[in-house]
Structures are given as structure tokens and as C-alpha cells.
Amino acid sequence: MNSIILSAAQGGGTSGILLMVGYIAIFGVAIYFLMIRPQKKEQKRMEALLSTMAPGDSVLTTSGFYGVVIDVTDDTVIVEFGNNKNCRIPMQKSAITQVEKPEDAAAAE
């Protein structure tokens, strides 16, 4: 009788551990699809957007300023703000949040 109870208790412990490992695996997959995958997708979209940036494009910076791209280098961009031609500021590409091509603006009108 004692051996039957001991074997049932040992079997229950193994299945409990397997159940817990299964829950952890399901939780990990859910975290991947709900958090990591969309973040990587957005990062790829931003990299593609910044790689196609060219002089003449209208941009929105992270600080909320609208400007026009004057020059693009590897990791920096020179942006002209307002109508004053003397207001040209170099900034990192990572400070750009939106890019609007002149063709897109003409098509929208």
C-alpha cells in the first residue's frame, strides 16, 4: 500500500514540474509575440525610413520641430528649421521620428 502511495506522489511531482515548464514556455512565447516581435518590426521600419532619407525631405524631430533635410551623412543629418536660411542644425538620425517625401506631399494635395 505504501509503495502505491509513494509512486503516485512521485509521478504527480514530475507532472507538476512538466506543467510548470510548459507554462513558462507558453509565457515566453507570448512575451515574444506581444512585446519583442513588434518592437523589432518597428525598429526595422525606422531603419528603412532613415536609410531612404534624402535632402529636400520634410522631417519631424523627437523634440517636435518640423524641418527640411539639407544634408545627410552616415549618422548625422543637417536640418533647416523655419524660413530663416541661417537656422541649420546638425542632429543624429535617431532624433528623426517621421519623414515625408516631397512626392508624398504633392500626391496628398
PDB file of N, CA and C in Angstrom:
ATOM      1  N   MET A   1       0.821  -1.181   0.000  1.00  0.00           N
ATOM      2  CA  MET A   1       0.000   0.000   0.000  1.00  0.00           C
ATOM      3  C   MET A   1       0.869   1.251   0.000  1.00  0.00           C
ATOM      4  N   ASN A   2       1.942   1.250   0.807  1.00  0.00           N
ATOM      5  CA  ASN A   2       2.826   2.400   0.878  1.00  0.00           C
ATOM      6  C   ASN A   2       3.548   2.635  -0.452  1.00  0.00           C
ATOM      7  N   SER A   3       3.892   1.573  -1.150  1.00  0.00           N
ATOM      8  CA  SER A   3       4.583   1.735  -2.428  1.00  0.00           C
ATOM      9  C   SER A   3       3.663   2.364  -3.480  1.00  0.00           C
ATOM     10  N   ILE A   4       2.384   2.082  -3.441  1.00  0.00           N
ATOM     11  CA  ILE A   4       1.435   2.689  -4.383  1.00  0.00           C
ATOM     12  C   ILE A   4       1.317   4.183  -4.115  1.00  0.00           C
ATOM     13  N   ILE A   5       1.268   4.569  -2.855  1.00  0.00           N
ATOM     14  CA  ILE A   5       1.156   5.986  -2.490  1.00  0.00           C
ATOM     15  C   ILE A   5       2.439   6.722  -2.867  1.00  0.00           C
ATOM     16  N   LEU A   6       3.588   6.117  -2.621  1.00  0.00           N
ATOM     17  CA  LEU A   6       4.862   6.751  -2.962  1.00  0.00           C
ATOM     18  C   LEU A   6       5.012   6.925  -4.468  1.00  0.00           C
ATOM     19  N   SER A   7       4.637   5.917  -5.239  1.00  0.00           N
ATOM     20  CA  SER A   7       4.767   6.036  -6.687  1.00  0.00           C
ATOM     21  C   SER A   7       3.797   7.072  -7.238  1.00  0.00           C
ATOM     22  N   ALA A   8       2.614   7.213  -6.664  1.00  0.00           N
ATOM     23  CA  ALA A   8       1.642   8.224  -7.102  1.00  0.00           C
ATOM     24  C   ALA A   8       2.162   9.620  -6.769  1.00  0.00           C
ATOM     25  N   ALA A   9       2.783   9.765  -5.601  1.00  0.00           N
ATOM     26  CA  ALA A   9       3.311  11.067  -5.208  1.00  0.00           C
ATOM     27  C   ALA A   9       4.482  11.471  -6.093  1.00  0.00           C
ATOM     28  N   GLN A  10       5.337  10.524  -6.449  1.00  0.00           N
ATOM     29  CA  GLN A  10       6.469  10.831  -7.318  1.00  0.00           C
ATOM     30  C   GLN A  10       5.993  11.173  -8.724  1.00  0.00           C
ATOM     31  N   GLY A  11       5.034  10.475  -9.223  1.00  0.00           N
ATOM     32  CA  GLY A  11       4.508  10.759 -10.556  1.00  0.00           C
ATOM     33  C   GLY A  11       3.835  12.117 -10.611  1.00  0.00           C
ATOM     34  N   GLY A  12       3.149  12.497  -9.563  1.00  0.00           N
ATOM     35  CA  GLY A  12       2.491  13.799  -9.502  1.00  0.00           C
ATOM     36  C   GLY A  12       3.502  14.931  -9.490  1.00  0.00           C
ATOM     37  N   GLY A  13       4.637  14.711  -8.830  1.00  0.00           N
ATOM     38  CA  GLY A  13       5.668  15.748  -8.779  1.00  0.00           C
ATOM     39  C   GLY A  13       6.295  15.981 -10.132  1.00  0.00           C
ATOM     40  N   THR A  14       6.528  14.904 -10.870  1.00  0.00           N
ATOM     41  CA  THR A  14       7.122  15.029 -12.201  1.00  0.00           C
ATOM     42  C   THR A  14       6.168  15.742 -13.154  1.00  0.00           C
ATOM     43  N   SER A  15       4.898  15.381 -13.090  1.00  0.00           N
ATOM     44  CA  SER A  15       3.942  16.036 -13.987  1.00  0.00           C
ATOM     45  C   SER A  15       3.737  17.496 -13.595  1.00  0.00           C
ATOM     46  N   GLY A  16       3.870  17.792 -12.289  1.00  0.00           N
ATOM     47  CA  GLY A  16       3.765  19.182 -11.836  1.00  0.00           C
ATOM     48  C   GLY A  16       4.904  20.033 -12.372  1.00  0.00           C
ATOM     49  N   ILE A  17       6.098  19.470 -12.382  1.00  0.00           N
ATOM     50  CA  ILE A  17       7.261  20.193 -12.906  1.00  0.00           C
ATOM     51  C   ILE A  17       7.109  20.395 -14.414  1.00  0.00           C
ATOM     52  N   LEU A  18       6.663  19.338 -15.100  1.00  0.00           N
ATOM     53  CA  LEU A  18       6.453  19.462 -16.545  1.00  0.00           C
ATOM     54  C   LEU A  18       5.378  20.493 -16.862  1.00  0.00           C
ATOM     55  N   LEU A  19       4.334  20.548 -16.068  1.00  0.00           N
ATOM     56  CA  LEU A  19       3.270  21.527 -16.255  1.00  0.00           C
ATOM     57  C   LEU A  19       3.811  22.944 -16.053  1.00  0.00           C
ATOM     58  N   MET A  20       4.649  23.118 -15.036  1.00  0.00           N
ATOM     59  CA  MET A  20       5.238  24.427 -14.772  1.00  0.00           C
ATOM     60  C   MET A  20       6.174  24.846 -15.916  1.00  0.00           C
ATOM     61  N   VAL A  21       6.976  23.918 -16.414  1.00  0.00           N
ATOM     62  CA  VAL A  21       7.863  24.211 -17.551  1.00  0.00           C
ATOM     63  C   VAL A  21       7.024  24.576 -18.785  1.00  0.00           C
ATOM     64  N   GLY A  22       5.912  23.884 -18.967  1.00  0.00           N
ATOM     65  CA  GLY A  22       5.013  24.200 -20.085  1.00  0.00           C
ATOM     66  C   GLY A  22       4.438  25.603 -19.971  1.00  0.00           C
ATOM     67  N   TYR A  23       4.021  25.992 -18.763  1.00  0.00           N
ATOM     68  CA  TYR A  23       3.501  27.344 -18.552  1.00  0.00           C
ATOM     69  C   TYR A  23       4.578  28.395 -18.809  1.00  0.00           C
ATOM     70  N   ILE A  24       5.779  28.131 -18.374  1.00  0.00           N
ATOM     71  CA  ILE A  24       6.884  29.074 -18.604  1.00  0.00           C
ATOM     72  C   ILE A  24       7.164  29.203 -20.096  1.00  0.00           C
ATOM     73  N   ALA A  25       7.113  28.093 -20.814  1.00  0.00           N
ATOM     74  CA  ALA A  25       7.343  28.140 -22.264  1.00  0.00           C
ATOM     75  C   ALA A  25       6.235  28.927 -22.959  1.00  0.00           C
ATOM     76  N   ILE A  26       5.003  28.688 -22.578  1.00  0.00           N
ATOM     77  CA  ILE A  26       3.881  29.435 -23.173  1.00  0.00           C
ATOM     78  C   ILE A  26       3.998  30.918 -22.853  1.00  0.00           C
ATOM     79  N   PHE A  27       4.369  31.249 -21.636  1.00  0.00           N
ATOM     80  CA  PHE A  27       4.557  32.644 -21.238  1.00  0.00           C
ATOM     81  C   PHE A  27       5.685  33.292 -22.044  1.00  0.00           C
ATOM     82  N   GLY A  28       6.772  32.561 -22.245  1.00  0.00           N
ATOM     83  CA  GLY A  28       7.890  33.098 -23.043  1.00  0.00           C
ATOM     84  C   GLY A  28       7.493  33.360 -24.482  1.00  0.00           C
ATOM     85  N   VAL A  29       6.730  32.448 -25.070  1.00  0.00           N
ATOM     86  CA  VAL A  29       6.266  32.643 -26.447  1.00  0.00           C
ATOM     87  C   VAL A  29       5.312  33.832 -26.525  1.00  0.00           C
ATOM     88  N   ALA A  30       4.440  33.974 -25.537  1.00  0.00           N
ATOM     89  CA  ALA A  30       3.510  35.110 -25.516  1.00  0.00           C
ATOM     90  C   ALA A  30       4.270  36.427 -25.397  1.00  0.00           C
ATOM     91  N   ILE A  31       5.273  36.476 -24.542  1.00  0.00           N
ATOM     92  CA  ILE A  31       6.092  37.689 -24.402  1.00  0.00           C
ATOM     93  C   ILE A  31       6.771  38.020 -25.724  1.00  0.00           C
ATOM     94  N   TYR A  32       7.272  37.008 -26.407  1.00  0.00           N
ATOM     95  CA  TYR A  32       7.939  37.240 -27.686  1.00  0.00           C
ATOM     96  C   TYR A  32       6.976  37.862 -28.698  1.00  0.00           C
ATOM     97  N   PHE A  33       5.794  37.263 -28.845  1.00  0.00           N
ATOM     98  CA  PHE A  33       4.860  37.751 -29.856  1.00  0.00           C
ATOM     99  C   PHE A  33       4.173  39.052 -29.474  1.00  0.00           C
ATOM    100  N   LEU A  34       4.045  39.339 -28.192  1.00  0.00           N
ATOM    101  CA  LEU A  34       3.364  40.565 -27.778  1.00  0.00           C
ATOM    102  C   LEU A  34       4.293  41.741 -27.552  1.00  0.00           C
ATOM    103  N   MET A  35       5.574  41.491 -27.264  1.00  0.00           N
ATOM    104  CA  MET A  35       6.470  42.598 -26.935  1.00  0.00           C
ATOM    105  C   MET A  35       7.696  42.682 -27.834  1.00  0.00           C
ATOM    106  N   ILE A  36       8.414  41.610 -27.978  1.00  0.00           N
ATOM    107  CA  ILE A  36       9.698  41.661 -28.674  1.00  0.00           C
ATOM    108  C   ILE A  36       9.513  41.782 -30.177  1.00  0.00           C
ATOM    109  N   ARG A  37       8.648  40.968 -30.759  1.00  0.00           N
ATOM    110  CA  ARG A  37       8.465  40.967 -32.210  1.00  0.00           C
ATOM    111  C   ARG A  37       7.958  42.318 -32.742  1.00  0.00           C
ATOM    112  N   PRO A  38       6.929  42.942 -32.127  1.00  0.00           N
ATOM    113  CA  PRO A  38       6.501  44.255 -32.627  1.00  0.00           C
ATOM    114  C   PRO A  38       7.582  45.325 -32.490  1.00  0.00           C
ATOM    115  N   GLN A  39       8.384  45.234 -31.431  1.00  0.00           N
ATOM    116  CA  GLN A  39       9.451  46.213 -31.248  1.00  0.00           C
ATOM    117  C   GLN A  39      10.507  46.077 -32.347  1.00  0.00           C
ATOM    118  N   LYS A  40      10.866  44.851 -32.686  1.00  0.00           N
ATOM    119  CA  LYS A  40      11.837  44.636 -33.761  1.00  0.00           C
ATOM    120  C   LYS A  40      11.272  45.084 -35.107  1.00  0.00           C
ATOM    121  N   LYS A  41       9.989  44.858 -35.313  1.00  0.00           N
ATOM    122  CA  LYS A  41       9.336  45.272 -36.553  1.00  0.00           C
ATOM    123  C   LYS A  41       9.367  46.795 -36.699  1.00  0.00           C
ATOM    124  N   GLU A  42       9.079  47.502 -35.613  1.00  0.00           N
ATOM    125  CA  GLU A  42       9.113  48.962 -35.624  1.00  0.00           C
ATOM    126  C   GLU A  42      10.539  49.467 -35.831  1.00  0.00           C
ATOM    127  N   GLN A  43      11.507  48.793 -35.240  1.00  0.00           N
ATOM    128  CA  GLN A  43      12.903  49.188 -35.398  1.00  0.00           C
ATOM    129  C   GLN A  43      13.341  49.024 -36.856  1.00  0.00           C
ATOM    130  N   LYS A  44      12.937  47.939 -37.509  1.00  0.00           N
ATOM    131  CA  LYS A  44      13.270  47.746 -38.918  1.00  0.00           C
ATOM    132  C   LYS A  44      12.605  48.801 -39.790  1.00  0.00           C
ATOM    133  N   ARG A  45      11.365  49.177 -39.451  1.00  0.00           N
ATOM    134  CA  ARG A  45      10.650  50.205 -40.210  1.00  0.00           C
ATOM    135  C   ARG A  45      11.361  51.551 -40.092  1.00  0.00           C
ATOM    136  N   MET A  46      11.818  51.880 -38.874  1.00  0.00           N
ATOM    137  CA  MET A  46      12.526  53.145 -38.678  1.00  0.00           C
ATOM    138  C   MET A  46      13.874  53.147 -39.396  1.00  0.00           C
ATOM    139  N   GLU A  47      14.578  52.018 -39.389  1.00  0.00           N
ATOM    140  CA  GLU A  47      15.851  51.934 -40.105  1.00  0.00           C
ATOM    141  C   GLU A  47      15.645  52.120 -41.605  1.00  0.00           C
ATOM    142  N   ALA A  48      14.584  51.525 -42.144  1.00  0.00           N
ATOM    143  CA  ALA A  48      14.286  51.686 -43.568  1.00  0.00           C
ATOM    144  C   ALA A  48      13.905  53.130 -43.880  1.00  0.00           C
ATOM    145  N   LEU A  49      13.152  53.747 -42.984  1.00  0.00           N
ATOM    146  CA  LEU A  49      12.742  55.135 -43.176  1.00  0.00           C
ATOM    147  C   LEU A  49      13.949  56.065 -43.165  1.00  0.00           C
ATOM    148  N   LEU A  50      14.855  55.849 -42.224  1.00  0.00           N
ATOM    149  CA  LEU A  50      16.024  56.712 -42.124  1.00  0.00           C
ATOM    150  C   LEU A  50      17.026  56.464 -43.243  1.00  0.00           C
ATOM    151  N   SER A  51      17.063  55.245 -43.774  1.00  0.00           N
ATOM    152  CA  SER A  51      18.004  54.960 -44.852  1.00  0.00           C
ATOM    153  C   SER A  51      17.550  55.567 -46.174  1.00  0.00           C
ATOM    154  N   THR A  52      16.252  55.802 -46.332  1.00  0.00           N
ATOM    155  CA  THR A  52      15.753  56.405 -47.574  1.00  0.00           C
ATOM    156  C   THR A  52      15.652  57.921 -47.491  1.00  0.00           C
ATOM    157  N   MET A  53      16.070  58.505 -46.367  1.00  0.00           N
ATOM    158  CA  MET A  53      16.001  59.949 -46.201  1.00  0.00           C
ATOM    159  C   MET A  53      16.980  60.636 -47.151  1.00  0.00           C
ATOM    160  N   ALA A  54      16.517  61.715 -47.797  1.00  0.00           N
ATOM    161  CA  ALA A  54      17.346  62.434 -48.766  1.00  0.00           C
ATOM    162  C   ALA A  54      17.140  63.932 -48.572  1.00  0.00           C
ATOM    163  N   PRO A  55      18.053  64.743 -49.077  1.00  0.00           N
ATOM    164  CA  PRO A  55      17.861  66.197 -48.988  1.00  0.00           C
ATOM    165  C   PRO A  55      16.549  66.616 -49.664  1.00  0.00           C
ATOM    166  N   GLY A  56      15.865  67.544 -49.007  1.00  0.00           N
ATOM    167  CA  GLY A  56      14.585  68.018 -49.507  1.00  0.00           C
ATOM    168  C   GLY A  56      13.390  67.391 -48.807  1.00  0.00           C
ATOM    169  N   ASP A  57      13.606  66.335 -48.030  1.00  0.00           N
ATOM    170  CA  ASP A  57      12.508  65.686 -47.313  1.00  0.00           C
ATOM    171  C   ASP A  57      12.123  66.513 -46.091  1.00  0.00           C
ATOM    172  N   SER A  58      10.833  66.550 -45.794  1.00  0.00           N
ATOM    173  CA  SER A  58      10.359  67.190 -44.570  1.00  0.00           C
ATOM    174  C   SER A  58      10.424  66.168 -43.454  1.00  0.00           C
ATOM    175  N   VAL A  59      10.891  66.604 -42.276  1.00  0.00           N
ATOM    176  CA  VAL A  59      11.049  65.686 -41.158  1.00  0.00           C
ATOM    177  C   VAL A  59      10.430  66.274 -39.897  1.00  0.00           C
ATOM    178  N   LEU A  60      10.086  65.378 -38.987  1.00  0.00           N
ATOM    179  CA  LEU A  60       9.648  65.746 -37.646  1.00  0.00           C
ATOM    180  C   LEU A  60      10.659  65.161 -36.679  1.00  0.00           C
ATOM    181  N   THR A  61      11.177  66.000 -35.779  1.00  0.00           N
ATOM    182  CA  THR A  61      12.178  65.536 -34.826  1.00  0.00           C
ATOM    183  C   THR A  61      11.501  65.050 -33.545  1.00  0.00           C
ATOM    184  N   THR A  62      12.268  64.395 -32.695  1.00  0.00           N
ATOM    185  CA  THR A  62      11.732  63.893 -31.432  1.00  0.00           C
ATOM    186  C   THR A  62      11.314  65.035 -30.513  1.00  0.00           C
ATOM    187  N   SER A  63      11.872  66.212 -30.705  1.00  0.00           N
ATOM    188  CA  SER A  63      11.505  67.361 -29.874  1.00  0.00           C
ATOM    189  C   SER A  63      10.283  68.088 -30.414  1.00  0.00           C
ATOM    190  N   GLY A  64       9.756  67.663 -31.566  1.00  0.00           N
ATOM    191  CA  GLY A  64       8.528  68.242 -32.090  1.00  0.00           C
ATOM    192  C   GLY A  64       8.724  69.322 -33.136  1.00  0.00           C
ATOM    193  N   PHE A  65       9.935  69.520 -33.595  1.00  0.00           N
ATOM    194  CA  PHE A  65      10.206  70.537 -34.609  1.00  0.00           C
ATOM    195  C   PHE A  65      10.085  69.946 -36.005  1.00  0.00           C
ATOM    196  N   TYR A  66       9.465  70.705 -36.911  1.00  0.00           N
ATOM    197  CA  TYR A  66       9.396  70.327 -38.318  1.00  0.00           C
ATOM    198  C   TYR A  66      10.505  71.050 -39.054  1.00  0.00           C
ATOM    199  N   GLY A  67      11.149  70.352 -39.982  1.00  0.00           N
ATOM    200  CA  GLY A  67      12.222  70.960 -40.747  1.00  0.00           C
ATOM    201  C   GLY A  67      12.410  70.268 -42.073  1.00  0.00           C
ATOM    202  N   VAL A  68      13.366  70.767 -42.838  1.00  0.00           N
ATOM    203  CA  VAL A  68      13.688  70.213 -44.150  1.00  0.00           C
ATOM    204  C   VAL A  68      15.136  69.740 -44.119  1.00  0.00           C
ATOM    205  N   VAL A  69      15.366  68.538 -44.613  1.00  0.00           N
ATOM    206  CA  VAL A  69      16.709  67.968 -44.623  1.00  0.00           C
ATOM    207  C   VAL A  69      17.554  68.688 -45.674  1.00  0.00           C
ATOM    208  N   ILE A  70      18.733  69.140 -45.271  1.00  0.00           N
ATOM    209  CA  ILE A  70      19.667  69.819 -46.171  1.00  0.00           C
ATOM    210  C   ILE A  70      20.769  68.875 -46.614  1.00  0.00           C
ATOM    211  N   ASP A  71      21.299  68.088 -45.665  1.00  0.00           N
ATOM    212  CA  ASP A  71      22.406  67.184 -45.969  1.00  0.00           C
ATOM    213  C   ASP A  71      22.285  65.939 -45.098  1.00  0.00           C
ATOM    214  N   VAL A  72      22.680  64.793 -45.651  1.00  0.00           N
ATOM    215  CA  VAL A  72      22.628  63.529 -44.931  1.00  0.00           C
ATOM    216  C   VAL A  72      24.007  62.878 -44.987  1.00  0.00           C
ATOM    217  N   THR A  73      24.533  62.496 -43.822  1.00  0.00           N
ATOM    218  CA  THR A  73      25.778  61.721 -43.768  1.00  0.00           C
ATOM    219  C   THR A  73      25.461  60.377 -43.118  1.00  0.00           C
ATOM    220  N   ASP A  74      26.490  59.651 -42.701  1.00  0.00           N
ATOM    221  CA  ASP A  74      26.281  58.312 -42.144  1.00  0.00           C
ATOM    222  C   ASP A  74      25.339  58.303 -40.953  1.00  0.00           C
ATOM    223  N   ASP A  75      25.645  59.107 -39.932  1.00  0.00           N
ATOM    224  CA  ASP A  75      24.827  59.085 -38.722  1.00  0.00           C
ATOM    225  C   ASP A  75      24.274  60.449 -38.333  1.00  0.00           C
ATOM    226  N   THR A  76      24.556  61.482 -39.124  1.00  0.00           N
ATOM    227  CA  THR A  76      24.036  62.815 -38.822  1.00  0.00           C
ATOM    228  C   THR A  76      23.259  63.379 -40.002  1.00  0.00           C
ATOM    229  N   VAL A  77      22.399  64.329 -39.679  1.00  0.00           N
ATOM    230  CA  VAL A  77      21.559  64.996 -40.670  1.00  0.00           C
ATOM    231  C   VAL A  77      21.603  66.484 -40.356  1.00  0.00           C
ATOM    232  N   ILE A  78      21.681  67.321 -41.377  1.00  0.00           N
ATOM    233  CA  ILE A  78      21.573  68.764 -41.179  1.00  0.00           C
ATOM    234  C   ILE A  78      20.160  69.151 -41.579  1.00  0.00           C
ATOM    235  N   VAL A  79      19.429  69.738 -40.620  1.00  0.00           N
ATOM    236  CA  VAL A  79      18.028  70.089 -40.828  1.00  0.00           C
ATOM    237  C   VAL A  79      17.882  71.593 -40.746  1.00  0.00           C
ATOM    238  N   GLU A  80      17.119  72.160 -41.677  1.00  0.00           N
ATOM    239  CA  GLU A  80      16.838  73.591 -41.710  1.00  0.00           C
ATOM    240  C   GLU A  80      15.445  73.805 -41.133  1.00  0.00           C
ATOM    241  N   PHE A  81      15.354  74.676 -40.137  1.00  0.00           N
ATOM    242  CA  PHE A  81      14.081  74.935 -39.471  1.00  0.00           C
ATOM    243  C   PHE A  81      13.573  76.320 -39.857  1.00  0.00           C
ATOM    244  N   GLY A  82      12.291  76.419 -40.186  1.00  0.00           N
ATOM    245  CA  GLY A  82      11.671  77.703 -40.494  1.00  0.00           C
ATOM    246  C   GLY A  82      12.122  78.259 -41.829  1.00  0.00           C
ATOM    247  N   ASN A  83      11.778  79.522 -42.053  1.00  0.00           N
ATOM    248  CA  ASN A  83      12.128  80.196 -43.306  1.00  0.00           C
ATOM    249  C   ASN A  83      13.505  80.831 -43.260  1.00  0.00           C
ATOM    250  N   ASN A  84      14.087  80.923 -42.084  1.00  0.00           N
ATOM    251  CA  ASN A  84      15.395  81.528 -41.930  1.00  0.00           C
ATOM    252  C   ASN A  84      16.463  80.553 -42.415  1.00  0.00           C
ATOM    253  N   LYS A  85      17.192  80.931 -43.447  1.00  0.00           N
ATOM    254  CA  LYS A  85      18.215  80.043 -44.018  1.00  0.00           C
ATOM    255  C   LYS A  85      19.414  79.869 -43.089  1.00  0.00           C
ATOM    256  N   ASN A  86      19.506  80.677 -42.031  1.00  0.00           N
ATOM    257  CA  ASN A  86      20.633  80.574 -41.108  1.00  0.00           C
ATOM    258  C   ASN A  86      20.368  79.584 -39.978  1.00  0.00           C
ATOM    259  N   CYS A  87      19.180  79.029 -39.913  1.00  0.00           N
ATOM    260  CA  CYS A  87      18.834  78.111 -38.827  1.00  0.00           C
ATOM    261  C   CYS A  87      18.981  76.675 -39.304  1.00  0.00           C
ATOM    262  N   ARG A  88      20.205  76.229 -39.428  1.00  0.00           N
ATOM    263  CA  ARG A  88      20.517  74.865 -39.839  1.00  0.00           C
ATOM    264  C   ARG A  88      21.209  74.167 -38.675  1.00  0.00           C
ATOM    265  N   ILE A  89      20.647  73.053 -38.269  1.00  0.00           N
ATOM    266  CA  ILE A  89      21.158  72.376 -37.084  1.00  0.00           C
ATOM    267  C   ILE A  89      21.539  70.939 -37.443  1.00  0.00           C
ATOM    268  N   PRO A  90      22.770  70.532 -37.142  1.00  0.00           N
ATOM    269  CA  PRO A  90      23.125  69.115 -37.321  1.00  0.00           C
ATOM    270  C   PRO A  90      22.562  68.297 -36.162  1.00  0.00           C
ATOM    271  N   MET A  91      22.021  67.147 -36.483  1.00  0.00           N
ATOM    272  CA  MET A  91      21.480  66.267 -35.446  1.00  0.00           C
ATOM    273  C   MET A  91      21.657  64.820 -35.852  1.00  0.00           C
ATOM    274  N   GLN A  92      21.525  63.919 -34.899  1.00  0.00           N
ATOM    275  CA  GLN A  92      21.643  62.500 -35.175  1.00  0.00           C
ATOM    276  C   GLN A  92      20.402  62.015 -35.910  1.00  0.00           C
ATOM    277  N   LYS A  93      20.599  60.980 -36.725  1.00  0.00           N
ATOM    278  CA  LYS A  93      19.460  60.404 -37.439  1.00  0.00           C
ATOM    279  C   LYS A  93      18.428  59.831 -36.481  1.00  0.00           C
ATOM    280  N   SER A  94      18.865  59.373 -35.327  1.00  0.00           N
ATOM    281  CA  SER A  94      17.937  58.788 -34.365  1.00  0.00           C
ATOM    282  C   SER A  94      16.972  59.817 -33.785  1.00  0.00           C
ATOM    283  N   ALA A  95      17.245  61.112 -33.991  1.00  0.00           N
ATOM    284  CA  ALA A  95      16.358  62.165 -33.499  1.00  0.00           C
ATOM    285  C   ALA A  95      15.203  62.439 -34.461  1.00  0.00           C
ATOM    286  N   ILE A  96      15.161  61.748 -35.592  1.00  0.00           N
ATOM    287  CA  ILE A  96      14.085  61.917 -36.568  1.00  0.00           C
ATOM    288  C   ILE A  96      13.016  60.860 -36.302  1.00  0.00           C
ATOM    289  N   THR A  97      11.750  61.297 -36.208  1.00  0.00           N
ATOM    290  CA  THR A  97      10.671  60.342 -35.959  1.00  0.00           C
ATOM    291  C   THR A  97       9.800  60.109 -37.179  1.00  0.00           C
ATOM    292  N   GLN A  98       9.654  61.121 -38.038  1.00  0.00           N
ATOM    293  CA  GLN A  98       8.843  60.975 -39.247  1.00  0.00           C
ATOM    294  C   GLN A  98       9.560  61.621 -40.411  1.00  0.00           C
ATOM    295  N   VAL A  99       9.393  61.028 -41.588  1.00  0.00           N
ATOM    296  CA  VAL A  99       9.956  61.577 -42.821  1.00  0.00           C
ATOM    297  C   VAL A  99       8.837  61.646 -43.846  1.00  0.00           C
ATOM    298  N   GLU A 100       8.701  62.794 -44.488  1.00  0.00           N
ATOM    299  CA  GLU A 100       7.707  62.950 -45.537  1.00  0.00           C
ATOM    300  C   GLU A 100       8.414  63.378 -46.812  1.00  0.00           C
ATOM    301  N   LYS A 101       8.273  62.576 -47.831  1.00  0.00           N
ATOM    302  CA  LYS A 101       8.892  62.867 -49.126  1.00  0.00           C
ATOM    303  C   LYS A 101       8.104  63.977 -49.826  1.00  0.00           C
ATOM    304  N   PRO A 102       8.774  64.799 -50.638  1.00  0.00           N
ATOM    305  CA  PRO A 102       8.058  65.841 -51.375  1.00  0.00           C
ATOM    306  C   PRO A 102       7.003  65.263 -52.324  1.00  0.00           C
ATOM    307  N   GLU A 103       7.264  64.080 -52.892  1.00  0.00           N
ATOM    308  CA  GLU A 103       6.294  63.460 -53.786  1.00  0.00           C
ATOM    309  C   GLU A 103       5.032  63.069 -53.019  1.00  0.00           C
ATOM    310  N   ASP A 104       5.185  62.611 -51.767  1.00  0.00           N
ATOM    311  CA  ASP A 104       4.035  62.224 -50.954  1.00  0.00           C
ATOM    312  C   ASP A 104       3.174  63.436 -50.611  1.00  0.00           C
ATOM    313  N   ALA A 105       3.824  64.562 -50.344  1.00  0.00           N
ATOM    314  CA  ALA A 105       3.084  65.775 -50.018  1.00  0.00           C
ATOM    315  C   ALA A 105       2.318  66.279 -51.240  1.00  0.00           C
ATOM    316  N   ALA A 106       2.923  66.173 -52.435  1.00  0.00           N
ATOM    317  CA  ALA A 106       2.247  66.610 -53.648  1.00  0.00           C
ATOM    318  C   ALA A 106       1.077  65.682 -53.987  1.00  0.00           C
ATOM    319  N   ALA A 107       1.221  64.414 -53.735  1.00  0.00           N
ATOM    320  CA  ALA A 107       0.151  63.457 -54.005  1.00  0.00           C
ATOM    321  C   ALA A 107      -1.014  63.642 -53.046  1.00  0.00           C
ATOM    322  N   ALA A 108      -0.739  64.078 -51.817  1.00  0.00           N
ATOM    323  CA  ALA A 108      -1.792  64.272 -50.831  1.00  0.00           C
ATOM    324  C   ALA A 108      -2.641  65.493 -51.172  1.00  0.00           C
ATOM    325  N   GLU A 109      -2.060  66.467 -51.833  1.00  0.00           N
ATOM    326  CA  GLU A 109      -2.814  67.669 -52.197  1.00  0.00           C
ATOM    327  C   GLU A 109      -3.541  67.412 -53.455  1.00  0.00           C
TER     328      GLU A 109
END
